[in-house]
Amino acid sequence: MLSEDELALLEAIRESGSLSRAAARLGKAPSTISHAARQLETRFDALLFDRRRYRLQLTPAGQLLALEAARLMQDVSRLSRRVKQIASGWEDRLWIVTDEILEFEILAPVIRSFDALQSGVALRMTHEVLGGTWEALRDGRADLIIGATNEPPAIPKLRWFELGVMEWVFAVSPRHPLAKAAEPLEREVVMRHRSVVVADSSRNSAGRAYGLLGGQATLAVPSMAAKIHAQRENLGVGWLPRHRVAGLLKRGELIEKRTADPREPNVLYVAWRGDQEGRALSWWLEQLRQPRLAKRLVRGIEITG
């Protein structure tokens, strides 16, 4: 390892091209700089400075030493900060997984507030769909999950609370045959038409889909935004978050249809492992317990165009 003074010496010589200018830059006598340079060469038993030219330069060995030493100093500095961070109760990293049904835009201001804490905790935000959200927590691919649906499964030391309740509406394009069909729509009638579903991201199970009838044809899409778009484009039918499509219903871009088998509202959950509660996780849990944020996440952003 090189000291900060030795790193500064290498950098000053590399940029200035002379011992005298390097000495002036560092506020030291040229003889002191010359002696320090020779000590470095003796220490590493290598020629670090090319003195044959008019402009003093680092040799390839000197350049390698300067670059690698600077990198190592940065690594040591980062390690020191991380050790202090962990010792003060902050995690090294917090992995947050949201169900895809939630919109990242709503969490962006929360991330900004977390950044303002200057905790040093690295955030990783990813998303899963349906059963894949719970699976991520169970398999250690998440420290915190937000917006998971269905009853909490059996996971060791699982802790959770309800985020809120999401309401649904069965909607079709005004160009779809069901748009003018008599209500309530019977199960047999709905089954004749393709349903648009968001594909479950479970890795270890067959996955599931809400509002899908046995034997019904499906179009699997990657996100709720894609599902809404597909139904607007008359590519299929299905259940959509009521608040997000309220504007589309008002403008007639989607048509709400009553069904003989209405879908119950979904409870969305926040969950984590009780044996891993650091300061960052505790901060996020406190934010998610705020009624205003919870309501915004559950209701989502209404589509206006």
Protein backbone atom coordinates (compact mmCIF):
# COMPACT_ATOMS: atom_id res chain seq x y z
CA MET A 1 0.00 0.00 0.00
CA LEU A 2 1.08 3.56 -0.65
CA SER A 3 0.42 6.45 1.67
CA GLU A 4 -1.70 9.39 0.56
CA ASP A 5 1.50 11.49 0.27
CA GLU A 6 3.09 8.90 -2.01
CA LEU A 7 -0.02 8.72 -4.17
CA ALA A 8 -0.07 12.51 -4.37
CA LEU A 9 3.60 12.47 -5.42
CA LEU A 10 2.97 10.02 -8.26
CA GLU A 11 -0.03 12.03 -9.44
CA ALA A 12 1.83 15.35 -9.27
CA ILE A 13 4.77 14.03 -11.28
CA ARG A 14 2.49 12.40 -13.83
CA GLU A 15 0.53 15.61 -14.40
CA SER A 16 3.31 18.22 -14.13
CA GLY A 17 6.13 16.42 -15.93
CA SER A 18 8.93 17.78 -13.70
CA LEU A 19 10.20 17.48 -10.15
CA SER A 20 10.24 21.24 -9.64
CA ARG A 21 6.64 21.72 -10.73
CA ALA A 22 5.57 18.69 -8.71
CA ALA A 23 7.34 20.17 -5.68
CA ALA A 24 5.61 23.53 -6.17
CA ARG A 25 2.25 21.81 -6.50
CA LEU A 26 2.78 19.84 -3.30
CA GLY A 27 4.35 22.76 -1.42
CA LYS A 28 7.64 20.95 -0.84
CA ALA A 29 11.28 21.47 -1.80
CA PRO A 30 12.45 19.82 -5.07
CA SER A 31 15.13 17.92 -3.14
CA THR A 32 12.45 16.44 -0.88
CA ILE A 33 10.42 15.31 -3.88
CA SER A 34 13.51 13.85 -5.60
CA HIS A 35 14.43 11.91 -2.45
CA ALA A 36 10.89 10.59 -2.03
CA ALA A 37 10.81 9.45 -5.67
CA ARG A 38 14.07 7.51 -5.26
CA GLN A 39 12.82 5.96 -2.03
CA LEU A 40 9.76 4.67 -3.87
CA GLU A 41 11.93 3.08 -6.55
CA THR A 42 14.14 1.49 -3.91
CA ARG A 43 11.10 0.20 -2.03
CA PHE A 44 9.66 -1.53 -5.10
CA ASP A 45 13.03 -2.33 -6.69
CA ALA A 46 11.77 -0.96 -10.00
CA LEU A 47 12.30 2.03 -12.24
CA LEU A 48 9.16 4.12 -11.75
CA PHE A 49 10.22 7.42 -13.34
CA ASP A 50 11.64 7.97 -16.82
CA ARG A 51 14.31 10.70 -16.43
CA ARG A 52 15.76 10.35 -19.91
CA ARG A 53 13.46 12.84 -21.57
CA TYR A 54 12.95 16.55 -21.17
CA ARG A 55 9.58 15.88 -19.54
CA LEU A 56 9.69 13.59 -16.50
CA GLN A 57 7.22 10.74 -16.96
CA LEU A 58 6.07 7.62 -15.17
CA THR A 59 7.33 4.37 -16.64
CA PRO A 60 4.76 1.66 -17.39
CA ALA A 61 5.58 0.19 -13.98
CA GLY A 62 5.06 3.59 -12.37
CA GLN A 63 1.73 4.05 -14.13
CA LEU A 64 0.57 0.60 -12.98
CA LEU A 65 1.64 1.37 -9.42
CA ALA A 66 -0.19 4.71 -9.42
CA LEU A 67 -3.42 3.27 -10.82
CA GLU A 68 -3.52 0.14 -8.67
CA ALA A 69 -2.48 1.92 -5.50
CA ALA A 70 -5.20 4.53 -6.01
CA ARG A 71 -7.77 1.76 -6.55
CA LEU A 72 -6.65 -0.07 -3.42
CA MET A 73 -6.86 3.13 -1.39
CA GLN A 74 -10.43 3.63 -2.59
CA ASP A 75 -11.27 0.01 -1.72
CA VAL A 76 -9.84 0.41 1.78
CA SER A 77 -11.72 3.67 2.22
CA ARG A 78 -14.99 2.05 1.11
CA LEU A 79 -14.36 -0.91 3.39
CA SER A 80 -13.77 1.40 6.35
CA ARG A 81 -17.02 3.22 5.65
CA ARG A 82 -18.93 -0.06 5.32
CA VAL A 83 -17.53 -1.42 8.60
CA LYS A 84 -18.60 1.77 10.41
CA GLN A 85 -21.97 1.59 8.63
CA ILE A 86 -22.64 -2.01 9.74
CA ALA A 87 -21.42 -1.27 13.27
CA SER A 88 -23.95 1.58 13.52
CA GLY A 89 -26.86 -0.70 12.58
CA TRP A 90 -27.20 0.06 8.87
CA GLU A 91 -27.26 -2.85 6.44
CA ASP A 92 -24.71 -3.16 3.66
CA ARG A 93 -27.52 -3.59 1.11
CA LEU A 94 -31.31 -3.68 1.13
CA TRP A 95 -33.05 -5.72 -1.57
CA ILE A 96 -36.63 -4.59 -2.09
CA VAL A 97 -38.97 -6.58 -4.33
CA THR A 98 -42.31 -5.11 -5.32
CA ASP A 99 -45.15 -6.95 -6.95
CA GLU A 100 -45.31 -5.75 -10.55
CA ILE A 101 -48.82 -4.42 -9.94
CA LEU A 102 -47.31 -1.50 -7.99
CA GLU A 103 -45.82 1.43 -9.90
CA PHE A 104 -42.20 2.40 -9.36
CA GLU A 105 -42.99 6.08 -9.93
CA ILE A 106 -44.78 6.21 -6.58
CA LEU A 107 -41.72 4.87 -4.75
CA ALA A 108 -39.23 7.24 -6.43
CA PRO A 109 -39.80 10.09 -3.87
CA VAL A 110 -39.36 7.57 -1.04
CA ILE A 111 -36.01 6.49 -2.50
CA ARG A 112 -34.99 10.14 -2.70
CA SER A 113 -35.84 10.62 0.99
CA PHE A 114 -33.86 7.50 1.86
CA ASP A 115 -30.86 8.80 -0.10
CA ALA A 116 -30.98 11.99 1.97
CA LEU A 117 -30.16 9.91 5.07
CA GLN A 118 -26.70 9.24 3.55
CA SER A 119 -26.67 5.85 5.25
CA GLY A 120 -24.40 4.24 2.68
CA VAL A 121 -26.88 1.38 2.20
CA ALA A 122 -27.05 0.18 -1.40
CA LEU A 123 -30.64 -0.24 -2.60
CA ARG A 124 -31.65 -2.90 -5.08
CA MET A 125 -35.18 -2.63 -6.48
CA THR A 126 -36.64 -5.46 -8.55
CA HIS A 127 -40.12 -6.79 -9.17
CA GLU A 128 -41.92 -10.11 -9.35
CA VAL A 129 -45.47 -11.15 -10.25
CA LEU A 130 -48.04 -12.93 -8.07
CA GLY A 131 -46.49 -16.02 -6.45
CA GLY A 132 -43.00 -14.92 -7.47
CA THR A 133 -43.15 -12.07 -4.95
CA TRP A 134 -43.58 -14.34 -1.91
CA GLU A 135 -41.11 -16.78 -3.43
CA ALA A 136 -38.43 -14.08 -3.60
CA LEU A 137 -38.67 -13.51 0.17
CA ARG A 138 -38.71 -17.23 0.92
CA ASP A 139 -35.67 -17.93 -1.29
CA GLY A 140 -33.56 -15.04 0.03
CA ARG A 141 -33.89 -12.89 -3.09
CA ALA A 142 -35.56 -10.10 -1.12
CA ASP A 143 -35.19 -8.44 2.27
CA LEU A 144 -38.54 -6.69 1.92
CA ILE A 145 -41.49 -7.35 -0.38
CA ILE A 146 -44.20 -4.81 -1.15
CA GLY A 147 -47.61 -5.49 -2.68
CA ALA A 148 -47.66 -9.29 -2.38
CA THR A 149 -51.09 -10.84 -2.90
CA ASN A 150 -52.84 -13.87 -1.40
CA GLU A 151 -52.51 -15.02 2.19
CA PRO A 152 -48.94 -15.01 3.55
CA PRO A 153 -47.37 -18.47 3.08
CA ALA A 154 -45.35 -20.44 5.63
CA ILE A 155 -41.93 -18.76 5.73
CA PRO A 156 -39.65 -19.01 8.81
CA LYS A 157 -39.77 -15.87 10.98
CA LEU A 158 -42.12 -14.17 8.51
CA ARG A 159 -43.55 -10.82 9.57
CA TRP A 160 -46.12 -8.84 7.60
CA PHE A 161 -48.84 -6.22 7.63
CA GLU A 162 -51.58 -5.25 5.20
CA LEU A 163 -50.76 -2.45 2.78
CA GLY A 164 -54.35 -2.04 1.62
CA VAL A 165 -57.10 -3.49 -0.58
CA MET A 166 -57.10 -3.27 -4.37
CA GLU A 167 -60.44 -3.24 -6.20
CA TRP A 168 -60.96 -4.65 -9.68
CA VAL A 169 -63.21 -4.10 -12.65
CA PHE A 170 -63.95 -6.50 -15.51
CA ALA A 171 -63.35 -4.43 -18.63
CA VAL A 172 -63.39 -4.90 -22.38
CA SER A 173 -62.73 -2.75 -25.41
CA PRO A 174 -65.87 -1.09 -26.89
CA ARG A 175 -65.02 -3.06 -30.06
CA HIS A 176 -65.12 -6.40 -28.26
CA PRO A 177 -68.18 -8.70 -28.70
CA LEU A 178 -68.74 -8.70 -24.92
CA ALA A 179 -69.17 -4.91 -24.90
CA LYS A 180 -72.79 -5.28 -25.98
CA ALA A 181 -73.49 -8.64 -24.30
CA ALA A 182 -76.27 -8.89 -21.73
CA GLU A 183 -75.29 -8.55 -18.08
CA PRO A 184 -74.36 -10.09 -15.83
CA LEU A 185 -71.92 -12.02 -18.01
CA GLU A 186 -72.23 -15.73 -17.30
CA ARG A 187 -69.15 -17.88 -16.82
CA GLU A 188 -69.80 -19.82 -20.02
CA VAL A 189 -70.01 -16.61 -22.04
CA VAL A 190 -66.73 -15.21 -20.69
CA MET A 191 -64.92 -18.52 -21.32
CA ARG A 192 -65.43 -18.18 -25.06
CA HIS A 193 -63.13 -15.17 -25.18
CA ARG A 194 -59.40 -14.86 -24.62
CA SER A 195 -58.27 -13.49 -21.27
CA VAL A 196 -55.24 -11.22 -20.89
CA VAL A 197 -53.11 -12.19 -17.88
CA VAL A 198 -49.87 -11.00 -16.33
CA ALA A 199 -47.51 -13.97 -16.28
CA ASP A 200 -46.67 -15.29 -12.79
CA SER A 201 -42.92 -15.09 -12.15
CA SER A 202 -42.75 -18.10 -9.80
CA ARG A 203 -39.65 -20.18 -10.43
CA ASN A 204 -40.60 -23.25 -8.39
CA SER A 205 -44.32 -23.62 -9.10
CA ALA A 206 -46.70 -23.62 -12.03
CA GLY A 207 -47.79 -20.07 -11.20
CA ARG A 208 -51.28 -18.68 -11.02
CA ALA A 209 -53.52 -16.06 -12.61
CA TYR A 210 -56.42 -14.11 -11.14
CA GLY A 211 -59.85 -14.17 -12.74
CA LEU A 212 -58.92 -16.92 -15.20
CA LEU A 213 -61.52 -19.58 -15.92
CA GLY A 214 -60.53 -23.20 -16.42
CA GLY A 215 -59.97 -23.95 -20.10
CA GLN A 216 -60.06 -20.28 -21.13
CA ALA A 217 -57.60 -19.15 -23.82
CA THR A 218 -55.00 -16.67 -22.56
CA LEU A 219 -52.60 -14.00 -23.72
CA ALA A 220 -49.79 -13.73 -21.14
CA VAL A 221 -48.13 -10.32 -20.96
CA PRO A 222 -45.19 -9.04 -18.86
CA SER A 223 -46.86 -6.29 -16.83
CA MET A 224 -50.13 -4.72 -15.71
CA ALA A 225 -49.43 -1.74 -17.99
CA ALA A 226 -49.15 -4.18 -20.91
CA LYS A 227 -52.37 -5.91 -19.83
CA ILE A 228 -54.27 -2.61 -19.77
CA HIS A 229 -52.86 -1.71 -23.18
CA ALA A 230 -53.77 -5.12 -24.62
CA GLN A 231 -57.36 -4.82 -23.45
CA ARG A 232 -57.63 -1.28 -24.82
CA GLU A 233 -56.41 -2.72 -28.15
CA ASN A 234 -59.13 -5.41 -28.08
CA LEU A 235 -56.64 -8.27 -27.67
CA GLY A 236 -58.59 -9.89 -24.87
CA VAL A 237 -60.65 -9.35 -21.72
CA GLY A 238 -60.01 -9.47 -18.01
CA TRP A 239 -59.91 -7.80 -14.61
CA LEU A 240 -58.08 -4.49 -14.20
CA PRO A 241 -57.27 -2.25 -11.17
CA ARG A 242 -60.34 -0.03 -10.91
CA HIS A 243 -58.63 3.24 -10.00
CA ARG A 244 -55.92 2.98 -12.66
CA VAL A 245 -58.46 2.57 -15.47
CA ALA A 246 -61.15 4.92 -14.08
CA GLY A 247 -60.33 7.58 -16.68
CA LEU A 248 -60.45 5.04 -19.51
CA LEU A 249 -63.88 3.92 -18.33
CA LYS A 250 -65.14 7.50 -18.17
CA ARG A 251 -63.92 8.22 -21.71
CA GLY A 252 -65.38 5.01 -23.07
CA GLU A 253 -62.00 3.56 -24.08
CA LEU A 254 -62.87 0.58 -21.91
CA ILE A 255 -66.31 -0.74 -20.99
CA GLU A 256 -67.10 -2.09 -17.53
CA LYS A 257 -69.12 -5.29 -17.55
CA ARG A 258 -70.85 -6.92 -14.58
CA THR A 259 -70.18 -10.63 -14.24
CA ALA A 260 -72.09 -13.42 -12.59
CA ASP A 261 -68.87 -14.32 -10.70
CA PRO A 262 -67.51 -11.01 -9.42
CA ARG A 263 -63.89 -10.86 -8.30
CA GLU A 264 -63.22 -10.11 -4.66
CA PRO A 265 -60.84 -7.24 -3.84
CA ASN A 266 -57.23 -8.27 -3.19
CA VAL A 267 -55.40 -7.55 0.04
CA LEU A 268 -51.84 -6.41 -0.67
CA TYR A 269 -49.14 -7.19 1.89
CA VAL A 270 -45.79 -5.86 3.05
CA ALA A 271 -43.58 -8.65 4.39
CA TRP A 272 -40.04 -9.29 5.64
CA ARG A 273 -38.02 -11.76 7.70
CA GLY A 274 -38.04 -10.89 11.40
CA ASP A 275 -34.43 -11.97 11.89
CA GLN A 276 -33.05 -9.33 9.52
CA GLU A 277 -34.24 -5.97 10.83
CA GLY A 278 -31.58 -3.31 10.36
CA ARG A 279 -32.02 0.45 10.36
CA ALA A 280 -32.69 0.67 6.62
CA LEU A 281 -35.41 -1.98 6.72
CA SER A 282 -36.97 -0.33 9.78
CA TRP A 283 -36.99 3.04 7.98
CA TRP A 284 -38.76 1.58 4.94
CA LEU A 285 -41.33 -0.20 7.10
CA GLU A 286 -42.09 3.07 8.86
CA GLN A 287 -42.68 4.79 5.51
CA LEU A 288 -44.91 2.00 4.22
CA ARG A 289 -47.06 2.21 7.34
CA GLN A 290 -47.90 5.82 6.47
CA PRO A 291 -51.57 5.79 5.29
CA ARG A 292 -50.96 8.33 2.52
CA LEU A 293 -48.17 6.36 0.85
CA ALA A 294 -49.99 3.05 1.33
CA LYS A 295 -53.13 4.44 -0.31
CA ARG A 296 -51.18 5.82 -3.28
CA LEU A 297 -49.44 2.49 -3.84
CA VAL A 298 -52.68 0.51 -3.73
CA ARG A 299 -54.72 2.91 -5.86
CA GLY A 300 -51.95 3.43 -8.39
CA ILE A 301 -51.70 6.20 -10.97
CA GLU A 302 -54.79 6.81 -13.03
CA ILE A 303 -54.16 6.59 -16.77
CA THR A 304 -54.98 9.92 -18.36
CA GLY A 305 -53.94 9.34 -21.93
